[in-house]
Amino acid sequence: MNRTLRPALHLSTRRLATIAAVAAGALLATACAPWRIWTVAELARGARPFTAHPAQPDKRLLVVGDSTAVGTGASTPAQSLPGLIGQQHPRWRIDNLAANGARFADVAAQLERADGGYDMVLVLAGGNDVIRFTPADTLRAELQRTMSLALQKGRRVVLMPCGDVGHAPFFAPPLSWVMSRRSKRLHALAQEAAADHGAHYVRLLRPRDQDPFVSRRNTLNAADGLHPSSAGYQEWYRALVAQGGLPAP
């Protein structure tokens, strides 16, 4: 074997072993509650992205992202984060291209097919890159690409990655610890990409002892233990406004 290939092969093998171990941990962690996996799928099937098209809108908002932008876990589309924005800003046109399961590579594709001329672009994503082990270099590149494309579509861009995935009731130790480490890495890369492009970054990541999704887990998490509930999306809305990502009505 060519010696120059050995380090790369070693790293690849080690990475595959890590992923395999975590996947096995995921099965063990959820084996005690297999209904959660079924519930995730059921909530995703029933979710519909919130949109609003008033006759003469004051502003135009484009929403892109994953299931948290679709509003999976909320009781109705109006109780999703885009829905709450629509309730507070009824004169805004809201277009929503989000899709369940989207990673940042998919979010970039959503932006590529979007029209331009928006007043604001809201990007809600990151959880699937954490859970599905997107490599850090790939994630950095896709975040940078997403921010660049978003700025081509709207005058203002707000990047709002999900909170600490490891705090979700869906995951148990040791898998939850891995998800928390990956969530911290996601937010570091997101903050970097937002700063590089002049976008507004909203931080949902909090220490466990300060995370309302831990202290109020029974009300802020949906039945699947993975997505926010309607009350959880209200918490996200408050964070969006409090951190200057959205003007108060």
Protein backbone atom coordinates (compact mmCIF):
# COMPACT_ATOMS: atom_id res chain seq x y z
CA MET A 1 0.00 0.00 0.00
CA ASN A 2 1.21 3.49 -0.81
CA ARG A 3 2.32 5.07 2.50
CA THR A 4 0.81 8.41 1.53
CA LEU A 5 -2.63 6.79 1.54
CA ARG A 6 -2.36 5.28 5.00
CA PRO A 7 -3.20 8.38 7.08
CA ALA A 8 -6.25 9.15 4.96
CA LEU A 9 -7.41 5.54 5.15
CA HIS A 10 -6.86 5.52 8.89
CA LEU A 11 -8.92 8.69 9.36
CA SER A 12 -11.67 7.38 7.11
CA THR A 13 -11.82 4.08 8.99
CA ARG A 14 -11.86 5.85 12.34
CA ARG A 15 -14.66 8.14 11.17
CA LEU A 16 -16.72 5.21 9.91
CA ALA A 17 -16.22 3.43 13.22
CA THR A 18 -17.38 6.51 15.11
CA ILE A 19 -20.49 6.89 12.97
CA ALA A 20 -21.27 3.19 13.33
CA ALA A 21 -20.91 3.41 17.10
CA VAL A 22 -23.16 6.45 17.31
CA ALA A 23 -25.74 4.81 15.04
CA ALA A 24 -25.76 1.78 17.31
CA GLY A 25 -26.14 4.10 20.27
CA ALA A 26 -29.07 5.77 18.58
CA LEU A 27 -30.85 2.46 18.22
CA LEU A 28 -30.19 1.59 21.85
CA ALA A 29 -31.21 5.05 23.03
CA THR A 30 -34.54 4.94 21.25
CA ALA A 31 -35.26 1.22 21.64
CA CYS A 32 -37.06 1.92 24.92
CA ALA A 33 -39.42 4.28 23.11
CA PRO A 34 -39.82 3.18 19.49
CA TRP A 35 -43.05 5.17 19.30
CA ARG A 36 -40.91 8.33 19.14
CA ILE A 37 -39.54 7.33 15.74
CA TRP A 38 -43.08 6.69 14.46
CA THR A 39 -44.24 10.01 15.92
CA VAL A 40 -41.45 11.91 14.17
CA ALA A 41 -42.65 10.54 10.83
CA GLU A 42 -46.30 11.22 11.64
CA LEU A 43 -45.66 14.84 12.63
CA ALA A 44 -43.58 15.40 9.51
CA ARG A 45 -46.29 13.98 7.26
CA GLY A 46 -48.91 16.25 8.78
CA ALA A 47 -46.88 19.48 8.73
CA ARG A 48 -47.49 22.19 6.12
CA PRO A 49 -45.35 25.32 5.68
CA PHE A 50 -47.09 28.54 6.66
CA THR A 51 -47.48 31.13 3.89
CA ALA A 52 -49.33 34.45 3.68
CA HIS A 53 -50.21 36.51 0.62
CA PRO A 54 -52.02 39.76 1.52
CA ALA A 55 -53.19 41.83 -1.45
CA GLN A 56 -50.88 44.77 -0.81
CA PRO A 57 -48.05 43.59 1.47
CA ASP A 58 -45.95 46.02 3.44
CA LYS A 59 -42.93 43.69 3.35
CA ARG A 60 -41.88 40.42 1.74
CA LEU A 61 -40.34 37.64 3.83
CA LEU A 62 -38.76 34.47 2.45
CA VAL A 63 -38.42 31.49 4.79
CA VAL A 64 -36.09 28.61 3.94
CA GLY A 65 -34.87 25.68 5.98
CA ASP A 66 -35.78 22.35 7.49
CA SER A 67 -38.69 20.95 9.51
CA THR A 68 -38.43 23.77 12.06
CA ALA A 69 -39.17 26.22 9.24
CA VAL A 70 -42.02 23.99 8.04
CA GLY A 71 -43.33 24.03 11.61
CA THR A 72 -43.25 20.30 12.32
CA GLY A 73 -44.40 19.79 15.91
CA ALA A 74 -46.77 22.77 15.98
CA SER A 75 -50.49 22.04 16.28
CA THR A 76 -51.27 24.15 13.19
CA PRO A 77 -49.19 26.05 10.60
CA ALA A 78 -50.29 29.31 12.25
CA GLN A 79 -48.52 28.19 15.44
CA SER A 80 -45.21 27.56 13.70
CA LEU A 81 -42.49 30.22 13.83
CA PRO A 82 -43.38 31.62 10.36
CA GLY A 83 -47.05 31.45 11.41
CA LEU A 84 -46.37 33.46 14.55
CA ILE A 85 -44.56 36.04 12.45
CA GLY A 86 -47.59 36.18 10.17
CA GLN A 87 -49.94 36.69 13.12
CA GLN A 88 -47.89 39.60 14.41
CA HIS A 89 -47.28 41.09 10.96
CA PRO A 90 -50.49 40.44 8.97
CA ARG A 91 -49.44 42.85 6.22
CA TRP A 92 -46.33 40.83 5.36
CA ARG A 93 -46.16 38.46 2.42
CA ILE A 94 -44.53 35.23 3.61
CA ASP A 95 -43.20 32.68 1.13
CA ASN A 96 -41.95 29.41 2.63
CA LEU A 97 -39.79 26.96 0.66
CA ALA A 98 -38.69 24.86 3.64
CA ALA A 99 -38.78 21.06 3.63
CA ASN A 100 -38.59 18.34 6.25
CA GLY A 101 -35.18 16.70 6.43
CA ALA A 102 -33.31 19.55 4.74
CA ARG A 103 -29.64 20.08 5.46
CA PHE A 104 -27.82 23.30 4.61
CA ALA A 105 -26.97 21.88 1.18
CA ASP A 106 -30.72 21.57 0.56
CA VAL A 107 -31.36 25.05 1.95
CA ALA A 108 -28.93 26.44 -0.60
CA ALA A 109 -30.91 24.66 -3.31
CA GLN A 110 -34.13 26.21 -1.97
CA LEU A 111 -32.54 29.64 -2.28
CA GLU A 112 -31.31 28.96 -5.80
CA ARG A 113 -34.86 28.47 -7.04
CA ALA A 114 -36.32 31.39 -5.06
CA ASP A 115 -37.19 34.76 -6.54
CA GLY A 116 -35.32 37.85 -5.39
CA GLY A 117 -36.34 41.21 -4.06
CA TYR A 118 -37.30 40.16 -0.52
CA ASP A 119 -37.04 42.53 2.39
CA MET A 120 -35.86 39.71 4.62
CA VAL A 121 -34.73 36.09 4.36
CA LEU A 122 -35.11 33.88 7.43
CA VAL A 123 -32.95 30.73 7.49
CA LEU A 124 -33.99 28.02 9.97
CA ALA A 125 -31.84 24.89 9.75
CA GLY A 126 -28.96 22.90 11.20
CA GLY A 127 -30.53 20.03 13.10
CA ASN A 128 -30.25 17.55 10.25
CA ASP A 129 -26.59 18.41 9.73
CA VAL A 130 -26.03 17.64 13.41
CA ILE A 131 -28.00 14.39 13.45
CA ARG A 132 -26.76 13.11 10.08
CA PHE A 133 -23.09 13.89 10.78
CA THR A 134 -22.33 16.41 8.04
CA PRO A 135 -18.52 16.85 8.18
CA ALA A 136 -17.40 20.20 9.59
CA ASP A 137 -15.62 21.29 6.40
CA THR A 138 -18.70 20.49 4.31
CA LEU A 139 -20.98 22.25 6.78
CA ARG A 140 -18.78 25.36 6.78
CA ALA A 141 -18.84 25.51 2.98
CA GLU A 142 -22.62 25.03 2.78
CA LEU A 143 -23.25 27.66 5.44
CA GLN A 144 -21.09 30.15 3.56
CA ARG A 145 -22.87 29.27 0.32
CA THR A 146 -26.29 29.62 1.97
CA MET A 147 -25.47 33.06 3.36
CA SER A 148 -24.13 34.25 0.00
CA LEU A 149 -27.27 33.08 -1.84
CA ALA A 150 -29.59 34.50 0.82
CA LEU A 151 -28.03 37.93 0.43
CA GLN A 152 -28.78 37.76 -3.28
CA LYS A 153 -32.46 37.20 -2.49
CA GLY A 154 -33.10 39.68 0.32
CA ARG A 155 -31.85 42.96 1.74
CA ARG A 156 -31.59 41.46 5.23
CA VAL A 157 -30.72 37.90 6.22
CA VAL A 158 -31.39 36.28 9.60
CA LEU A 159 -29.71 32.95 10.39
CA MET A 160 -31.37 31.03 13.23
CA PRO A 161 -29.99 27.50 13.75
CA CYS A 162 -31.81 25.13 16.08
CA GLY A 163 -30.87 24.90 19.76
CA ASP A 164 -28.88 22.10 21.39
CA VAL A 165 -30.04 18.88 19.73
CA GLY A 166 -28.53 16.92 22.60
CA HIS A 167 -31.09 18.44 24.96
CA ALA A 168 -34.00 16.95 23.00
CA PRO A 169 -35.82 14.19 24.94
CA PHE A 170 -35.47 12.00 21.85
CA PHE A 171 -31.79 11.38 22.69
CA ALA A 172 -30.27 9.73 25.74
CA PRO A 173 -26.62 9.56 26.89
CA PRO A 174 -24.11 8.90 25.49
CA LEU A 175 -25.67 9.90 22.14
CA SER A 176 -27.05 13.12 23.59
CA TRP A 177 -23.50 14.15 24.54
CA VAL A 178 -22.36 13.66 20.95
CA MET A 179 -25.31 15.69 19.67
CA SER A 180 -24.49 18.51 22.09
CA ARG A 181 -20.87 18.68 20.91
CA ARG A 182 -22.00 18.76 17.32
CA SER A 183 -24.59 21.44 18.09
CA LYS A 184 -21.88 23.68 19.56
CA ARG A 185 -19.81 23.19 16.43
CA LEU A 186 -22.81 24.05 14.25
CA HIS A 187 -23.35 27.32 16.08
CA ALA A 188 -19.69 28.28 15.90
CA LEU A 189 -19.74 27.80 12.12
CA ALA A 190 -23.10 29.57 11.79
CA GLN A 191 -21.91 32.58 13.76
CA GLU A 192 -18.79 32.72 11.60
CA ALA A 193 -20.77 32.55 8.34
CA ALA A 194 -23.23 35.21 9.49
CA ALA A 195 -20.41 37.56 10.48
CA ASP A 196 -18.60 36.98 7.18
CA HIS A 197 -21.70 38.04 5.19
CA GLY A 198 -23.19 40.70 7.43
CA ALA A 199 -26.19 38.54 8.34
CA HIS A 200 -27.96 38.59 11.70
CA TYR A 201 -27.30 35.51 13.85
CA VAL A 202 -29.85 34.40 16.46
CA ARG A 203 -28.48 32.10 19.15
CA LEU A 204 -30.82 29.44 20.51
CA LEU A 205 -27.94 27.40 21.95
CA ARG A 206 -27.90 27.54 25.76
CA PRO A 207 -26.25 25.59 28.60
CA ARG A 208 -28.41 22.78 29.92
CA ASP A 209 -29.15 24.57 33.19
CA GLN A 210 -30.35 27.65 31.27
CA ASP A 211 -32.23 25.94 28.45
CA PRO A 212 -36.04 26.28 28.76
CA PHE A 213 -36.39 23.21 26.53
CA VAL A 214 -34.84 21.26 29.42
CA SER A 215 -36.55 22.96 32.37
CA ARG A 216 -39.92 23.01 30.56
CA ARG A 217 -39.40 19.92 28.46
CA ASN A 218 -42.98 18.67 28.85
CA THR A 219 -44.50 21.80 27.31
CA LEU A 220 -41.88 23.11 24.87
CA ASN A 221 -41.11 19.83 23.10
CA ALA A 222 -43.51 18.13 20.69
CA ALA A 223 -44.76 14.57 21.18
CA ASP A 224 -41.82 13.16 19.22
CA GLY A 225 -39.30 14.61 21.68
CA LEU A 226 -37.36 16.10 18.78
CA HIS A 227 -39.22 19.15 17.44
CA PRO A 228 -40.57 22.19 19.27
CA SER A 229 -44.24 22.18 20.22
CA SER A 230 -46.50 25.17 19.56
CA ALA A 231 -45.29 26.57 22.90
CA GLY A 232 -41.72 25.82 21.84
CA TYR A 233 -42.10 27.85 18.66
CA GLN A 234 -43.47 30.71 20.78
CA GLU A 235 -40.23 30.52 22.76
CA TRP A 236 -38.26 30.69 19.52
CA TYR A 237 -40.33 33.68 18.40
CA ARG A 238 -39.54 35.51 21.63
CA ALA A 239 -35.84 34.80 21.15
CA LEU A 240 -36.00 36.03 17.54
CA VAL A 241 -37.53 39.35 18.62
CA ALA A 242 -35.41 39.74 21.77
CA GLN A 243 -32.16 39.26 19.84
CA GLY A 244 -33.10 41.79 17.18
CA GLY A 245 -33.82 39.35 14.40
CA LEU A 246 -37.35 40.65 13.92
CA PRO A 247 -38.98 43.98 14.73
CA ALA A 248 -41.59 43.93 17.48
CA PRO A 249 -45.13 44.54 16.08
